[in-house]
Amino acid sequence: MREFAKTLPGGQRIAHGTMVFSIGVGLTASLINPVAFSYSYDRLRFVQPVHIGDTVRTRVTICSKEDDPKRPEMGRVVERCEVLNQRNDVVLAADYILLVERGPKKA
């Protein structure tokens, strides 16, 4: 496989994109919100290859909060998940949509 990979653009083996996605999402597992649950992922992009031996980390940023049209007691929170390599290059990006229990209305 290593010899074949030398003939490809980039000239080396890369990690499978869905594996990078699962590792990247898994790195956020300690950020569990007890009043939210997973709704979907959107806009998944494999931006750059991850090479064997690369180190990755995940950055999570809240992008938006919106009403949920089907559930008035819930809202949707969109988190931008970006997986970065050791050079801080974004290698994967996805929007993670969560359904979140609404808090009490503020006066």
N, C-alpha and C. Protein backbone atom coordinates (compact mmCIF):
# COMPACT_ATOMS: atom_id res chain seq x y z
N MET A 1 0.82 -1.18 0.00
CA MET A 1 0.00 0.00 0.00
C MET A 1 0.87 1.26 0.00
N ARG A 2 1.94 1.24 0.77
CA ARG A 2 2.82 2.41 0.84
C ARG A 2 3.39 2.75 -0.54
N GLU A 3 3.78 1.72 -1.28
CA GLU A 3 4.35 1.96 -2.62
C GLU A 3 3.29 2.51 -3.56
N PHE A 4 2.07 1.99 -3.50
CA PHE A 4 0.99 2.50 -4.33
C PHE A 4 0.69 3.96 -3.99
N ALA A 5 0.66 4.28 -2.70
CA ALA A 5 0.35 5.65 -2.26
C ALA A 5 1.37 6.66 -2.80
N LYS A 6 2.59 6.23 -3.02
CA LYS A 6 3.61 7.14 -3.57
C LYS A 6 3.24 7.63 -4.96
N THR A 7 2.39 6.89 -5.66
CA THR A 7 1.99 7.28 -7.02
C THR A 7 0.80 8.24 -7.02
N LEU A 8 0.19 8.47 -5.88
CA LEU A 8 -1.00 9.32 -5.78
C LEU A 8 -0.62 10.77 -5.48
N PRO A 9 -1.54 11.71 -5.74
CA PRO A 9 -1.27 13.10 -5.35
C PRO A 9 -0.98 13.15 -3.84
N GLY A 10 0.04 13.85 -3.44
CA GLY A 10 0.44 13.89 -2.04
C GLY A 10 1.52 12.88 -1.71
N GLY A 11 1.57 11.80 -2.48
CA GLY A 11 2.65 10.84 -2.39
C GLY A 11 2.75 10.01 -1.12
N GLN A 12 1.71 9.99 -0.29
CA GLN A 12 1.77 9.17 0.92
C GLN A 12 0.37 8.72 1.33
N ARG A 13 0.33 7.76 2.25
CA ARG A 13 -0.96 7.23 2.71
C ARG A 13 -1.70 8.27 3.53
N ILE A 14 -3.03 8.21 3.47
CA ILE A 14 -3.86 9.12 4.24
C ILE A 14 -4.86 8.32 5.07
N ALA A 15 -5.35 8.96 6.12
CA ALA A 15 -6.38 8.34 6.95
C ALA A 15 -7.73 8.49 6.25
N HIS A 16 -8.58 7.50 6.41
CA HIS A 16 -9.91 7.54 5.80
C HIS A 16 -10.73 8.68 6.41
N GLY A 17 -11.43 9.44 5.57
CA GLY A 17 -12.17 10.62 6.02
C GLY A 17 -13.18 10.34 7.11
N THR A 18 -13.93 9.23 6.99
CA THR A 18 -14.94 8.95 8.01
C THR A 18 -14.29 8.57 9.34
N MET A 19 -13.09 8.02 9.30
CA MET A 19 -12.37 7.74 10.54
C MET A 19 -11.95 9.07 11.20
N VAL A 20 -11.48 10.01 10.40
CA VAL A 20 -11.11 11.33 10.93
C VAL A 20 -12.34 12.00 11.53
N PHE A 21 -13.50 11.88 10.87
CA PHE A 21 -14.74 12.44 11.39
C PHE A 21 -15.09 11.83 12.75
N SER A 22 -15.05 10.48 12.84
CA SER A 22 -15.41 9.86 14.12
C SER A 22 -14.43 10.19 15.23
N ILE A 23 -13.16 10.27 14.92
CA ILE A 23 -12.18 10.66 15.95
C ILE A 23 -12.42 12.12 16.35
N GLY A 24 -12.61 12.99 15.37
CA GLY A 24 -12.84 14.40 15.67
C GLY A 24 -14.06 14.62 16.54
N VAL A 25 -15.16 13.95 16.23
CA VAL A 25 -16.38 14.06 17.05
C VAL A 25 -16.13 13.43 18.42
N GLY A 26 -15.44 12.31 18.44
CA GLY A 26 -15.15 11.63 19.71
C GLY A 26 -14.35 12.50 20.67
N LEU A 27 -13.50 13.37 20.13
CA LEU A 27 -12.71 14.26 20.98
C LEU A 27 -13.58 15.27 21.73
N THR A 28 -14.83 15.45 21.28
CA THR A 28 -15.74 16.39 21.95
C THR A 28 -16.64 15.69 22.96
N ALA A 29 -16.47 14.40 23.18
CA ALA A 29 -17.39 13.61 24.01
C ALA A 29 -17.46 14.09 25.45
N SER A 30 -16.45 14.77 25.93
CA SER A 30 -16.49 15.26 27.32
C SER A 30 -17.35 16.51 27.44
N LEU A 31 -17.84 17.04 26.32
CA LEU A 31 -18.63 18.27 26.32
C LEU A 31 -20.13 17.96 26.25
N ILE A 32 -20.58 16.93 26.94
CA ILE A 32 -21.97 16.50 26.84
C ILE A 32 -22.87 17.45 27.62
N ASN A 33 -23.93 17.90 26.98
CA ASN A 33 -24.92 18.78 27.59
C ASN A 33 -26.11 17.91 28.00
N PRO A 34 -26.46 17.82 29.29
CA PRO A 34 -27.53 16.91 29.73
C PRO A 34 -28.94 17.32 29.27
N VAL A 35 -29.12 18.54 28.77
CA VAL A 35 -30.45 18.95 28.29
C VAL A 35 -30.46 19.11 26.77
N ALA A 36 -29.56 18.43 26.09
CA ALA A 36 -29.48 18.50 24.62
C ALA A 36 -29.30 17.09 24.07
N PHE A 37 -29.75 16.91 22.83
CA PHE A 37 -29.45 15.65 22.16
C PHE A 37 -29.19 15.89 20.69
N SER A 38 -28.47 14.96 20.11
CA SER A 38 -28.01 15.09 18.74
C SER A 38 -29.18 15.06 17.77
N TYR A 39 -29.20 16.00 16.84
CA TYR A 39 -30.23 16.06 15.82
C TYR A 39 -29.65 15.64 14.46
N SER A 40 -28.52 16.26 14.09
CA SER A 40 -27.89 15.87 12.83
C SER A 40 -26.55 16.58 12.66
N TYR A 41 -25.85 16.17 11.63
CA TYR A 41 -24.66 16.88 11.17
C TYR A 41 -24.98 17.44 9.80
N ASP A 42 -24.43 18.59 9.48
CA ASP A 42 -24.70 19.24 8.21
C ASP A 42 -23.39 19.80 7.67
N ARG A 43 -23.31 19.96 6.37
CA ARG A 43 -22.18 20.60 5.71
C ARG A 43 -20.83 19.95 6.06
N LEU A 44 -20.79 18.63 6.10
CA LEU A 44 -19.54 17.92 6.37
C LEU A 44 -18.60 18.10 5.20
N ARG A 45 -17.39 18.60 5.49
CA ARG A 45 -16.40 18.85 4.45
C ARG A 45 -15.05 18.25 4.85
N PHE A 46 -14.47 17.49 3.94
CA PHE A 46 -13.13 16.97 4.12
C PHE A 46 -12.20 17.96 3.41
N VAL A 47 -11.61 18.86 4.17
CA VAL A 47 -10.90 20.01 3.62
C VAL A 47 -9.51 19.65 3.13
N GLN A 48 -8.78 18.88 3.92
CA GLN A 48 -7.41 18.48 3.56
C GLN A 48 -7.19 17.05 4.03
N PRO A 49 -6.27 16.34 3.41
CA PRO A 49 -6.00 14.98 3.87
C PRO A 49 -5.30 14.97 5.22
N VAL A 50 -5.56 13.91 5.98
CA VAL A 50 -4.84 13.66 7.22
C VAL A 50 -3.90 12.50 6.92
N HIS A 51 -2.63 12.75 7.14
CA HIS A 51 -1.63 11.73 6.84
C HIS A 51 -1.35 10.88 8.08
N ILE A 52 -0.93 9.67 7.83
CA ILE A 52 -0.56 8.78 8.92
C ILE A 52 0.56 9.44 9.70
N GLY A 53 0.39 9.53 11.02
CA GLY A 53 1.37 10.21 11.87
C GLY A 53 0.96 11.62 12.26
N ASP A 54 -0.06 12.18 11.60
CA ASP A 54 -0.55 13.51 11.98
C ASP A 54 -1.21 13.45 13.36
N THR A 55 -1.24 14.58 14.03
CA THR A 55 -1.94 14.73 15.30
C THR A 55 -3.12 15.65 15.06
N VAL A 56 -4.30 15.27 15.57
CA VAL A 56 -5.48 16.10 15.36
C VAL A 56 -6.09 16.52 16.69
N ARG A 57 -6.79 17.65 16.63
CA ARG A 57 -7.58 18.14 17.77
C ARG A 57 -8.85 18.74 17.19
N THR A 58 -9.84 18.96 18.04
CA THR A 58 -11.12 19.49 17.56
C THR A 58 -11.43 20.80 18.26
N ARG A 59 -11.89 21.76 17.46
CA ARG A 59 -12.33 23.06 17.98
C ARG A 59 -13.84 23.15 17.74
N VAL A 60 -14.58 23.54 18.79
CA VAL A 60 -16.03 23.67 18.69
C VAL A 60 -16.41 25.12 18.95
N THR A 61 -17.22 25.68 18.05
CA THR A 61 -17.69 27.06 18.17
C THR A 61 -19.20 27.08 17.97
N ILE A 62 -19.93 27.75 18.87
CA ILE A 62 -21.37 27.91 18.69
C ILE A 62 -21.59 28.90 17.55
N CYS A 63 -22.30 28.48 16.49
CA CYS A 63 -22.55 29.32 15.32
C CYS A 63 -23.88 30.03 15.40
N SER A 64 -24.89 29.31 15.86
CA SER A 64 -26.22 29.92 15.88
C SER A 64 -27.13 29.20 16.86
N LYS A 65 -28.17 29.92 17.26
CA LYS A 65 -29.25 29.37 18.07
C LYS A 65 -30.54 29.78 17.37
N GLU A 66 -31.46 28.84 17.25
CA GLU A 66 -32.70 29.14 16.54
C GLU A 66 -33.85 28.34 17.14
N ASP A 67 -35.06 28.75 16.80
CA ASP A 67 -36.24 28.02 17.24
C ASP A 67 -36.30 26.68 16.52
N ASP A 68 -36.90 25.69 17.18
CA ASP A 68 -37.20 24.44 16.51
C ASP A 68 -38.66 24.51 16.06
N PRO A 69 -38.93 24.43 14.75
CA PRO A 69 -40.29 24.64 14.27
C PRO A 69 -41.29 23.58 14.73
N LYS A 70 -40.83 22.39 15.09
CA LYS A 70 -41.73 21.31 15.49
C LYS A 70 -41.92 21.21 16.99
N ARG A 71 -41.02 21.77 17.77
CA ARG A 71 -41.04 21.59 19.22
C ARG A 71 -40.85 22.95 19.90
N PRO A 72 -41.93 23.59 20.34
CA PRO A 72 -41.80 24.93 20.93
C PRO A 72 -41.00 24.95 22.24
N GLU A 73 -40.91 23.82 22.92
CA GLU A 73 -40.16 23.76 24.18
C GLU A 73 -38.66 23.54 23.96
N MET A 74 -38.27 23.40 22.69
CA MET A 74 -36.87 23.13 22.34
C MET A 74 -36.35 24.21 21.40
N GLY A 75 -35.04 24.32 21.35
CA GLY A 75 -34.37 25.16 20.37
C GLY A 75 -33.31 24.33 19.67
N ARG A 76 -32.73 24.89 18.64
CA ARG A 76 -31.62 24.23 17.93
C ARG A 76 -30.37 25.07 18.14
N VAL A 77 -29.30 24.40 18.47
CA VAL A 77 -27.99 25.03 18.58
C VAL A 77 -27.10 24.38 17.53
N VAL A 78 -26.43 25.22 16.76
CA VAL A 78 -25.51 24.72 15.74
C VAL A 78 -24.09 24.98 16.22
N GLU A 79 -23.34 23.89 16.33
CA GLU A 79 -21.93 23.98 16.70
C GLU A 79 -21.09 23.69 15.47
N ARG A 80 -20.13 24.55 15.18
CA ARG A 80 -19.18 24.29 14.10
C ARG A 80 -18.05 23.46 14.71
N CYS A 81 -17.87 22.25 14.20
CA CYS A 81 -16.78 21.38 14.64
C CYS A 81 -15.70 21.41 13.57
N GLU A 82 -14.52 21.79 13.97
CA GLU A 82 -13.39 21.82 13.05
C GLU A 82 -12.29 20.92 13.60
N VAL A 83 -11.84 20.01 12.79
CA VAL A 83 -10.70 19.15 13.16
C VAL A 83 -9.47 19.79 12.55
N LEU A 84 -8.46 20.00 13.39
CA LEU A 84 -7.22 20.66 12.96
C LEU A 84 -6.05 19.70 13.12
N ASN A 85 -5.06 19.84 12.25
CA ASN A 85 -3.86 19.02 12.39
C ASN A 85 -2.82 19.76 13.24
N GLN A 86 -1.64 19.19 13.34
CA GLN A 86 -0.59 19.75 14.19
C GLN A 86 -0.07 21.11 13.68
N ARG A 87 -0.38 21.46 12.45
CA ARG A 87 0.00 22.77 11.91
C ARG A 87 -1.15 23.78 12.02
N ASN A 88 -2.22 23.41 12.72
CA ASN A 88 -3.43 24.22 12.88
C ASN A 88 -4.17 24.43 11.57
N ASP A 89 -3.98 23.55 10.59
CA ASP A 89 -4.76 23.58 9.35
C ASP A 89 -6.07 22.84 9.60
N VAL A 90 -7.18 23.43 9.16
CA VAL A 90 -8.46 22.73 9.26
C VAL A 90 -8.46 21.60 8.23
N VAL A 91 -8.66 20.38 8.70
CA VAL A 91 -8.67 19.22 7.80
C VAL A 91 -10.09 18.69 7.58
N LEU A 92 -11.00 19.03 8.50
CA LEU A 92 -12.39 18.59 8.39
C LEU A 92 -13.26 19.62 9.09
N ALA A 93 -14.43 19.87 8.55
CA ALA A 93 -15.37 20.80 9.19
C ALA A 93 -16.78 20.25 9.03
N ALA A 94 -17.61 20.44 10.04
CA ALA A 94 -19.01 20.02 9.99
C ALA A 94 -19.80 20.87 10.96
N ASP A 95 -21.07 21.06 10.66
CA ASP A 95 -21.98 21.73 11.58
C ASP A 95 -22.78 20.66 12.31
N TYR A 96 -22.72 20.69 13.63
CA TYR A 96 -23.39 19.72 14.48
C TYR A 96 -24.64 20.40 15.02
N ILE A 97 -25.81 19.85 14.73
CA ILE A 97 -27.08 20.44 15.15
C ILE A 97 -27.61 19.67 16.34
N LEU A 98 -27.87 20.41 17.41
CA LEU A 98 -28.39 19.82 18.65
C LEU A 98 -29.77 20.37 18.94
N LEU A 99 -30.64 19.53 19.44
CA LEU A 99 -31.90 20.01 20.01
C LEU A 99 -31.66 20.23 21.48
N VAL A 100 -32.05 21.40 21.96
CA VAL A 100 -31.74 21.80 23.33
C VAL A 100 -33.01 22.23 24.04
N GLU A 101 -33.17 21.75 25.26
CA GLU A 101 -34.29 22.15 26.10
C GLU A 101 -34.17 23.63 26.41
N ARG A 102 -35.25 24.37 26.25
CA ARG A 102 -35.22 25.81 26.53
C ARG A 102 -35.22 26.05 28.04
N GLY A 103 -34.53 27.09 28.44
CA GLY A 103 -34.56 27.53 29.83
C GLY A 103 -35.77 28.40 30.07
N PRO A 104 -35.97 28.86 31.29
CA PRO A 104 -37.09 29.75 31.58
C PRO A 104 -36.93 31.08 30.84
N LYS A 105 -38.05 31.66 30.44
CA LYS A 105 -38.02 32.96 29.76
C LYS A 105 -37.55 34.03 30.72
N LYS A 106 -36.67 34.91 30.23
CA LYS A 106 -36.17 36.02 31.06
C LYS A 106 -37.08 37.22 30.88
N ALA A 107 -37.27 37.95 31.95
CA ALA A 107 -38.15 39.12 31.91
C ALA A 107 -37.48 40.30 31.26
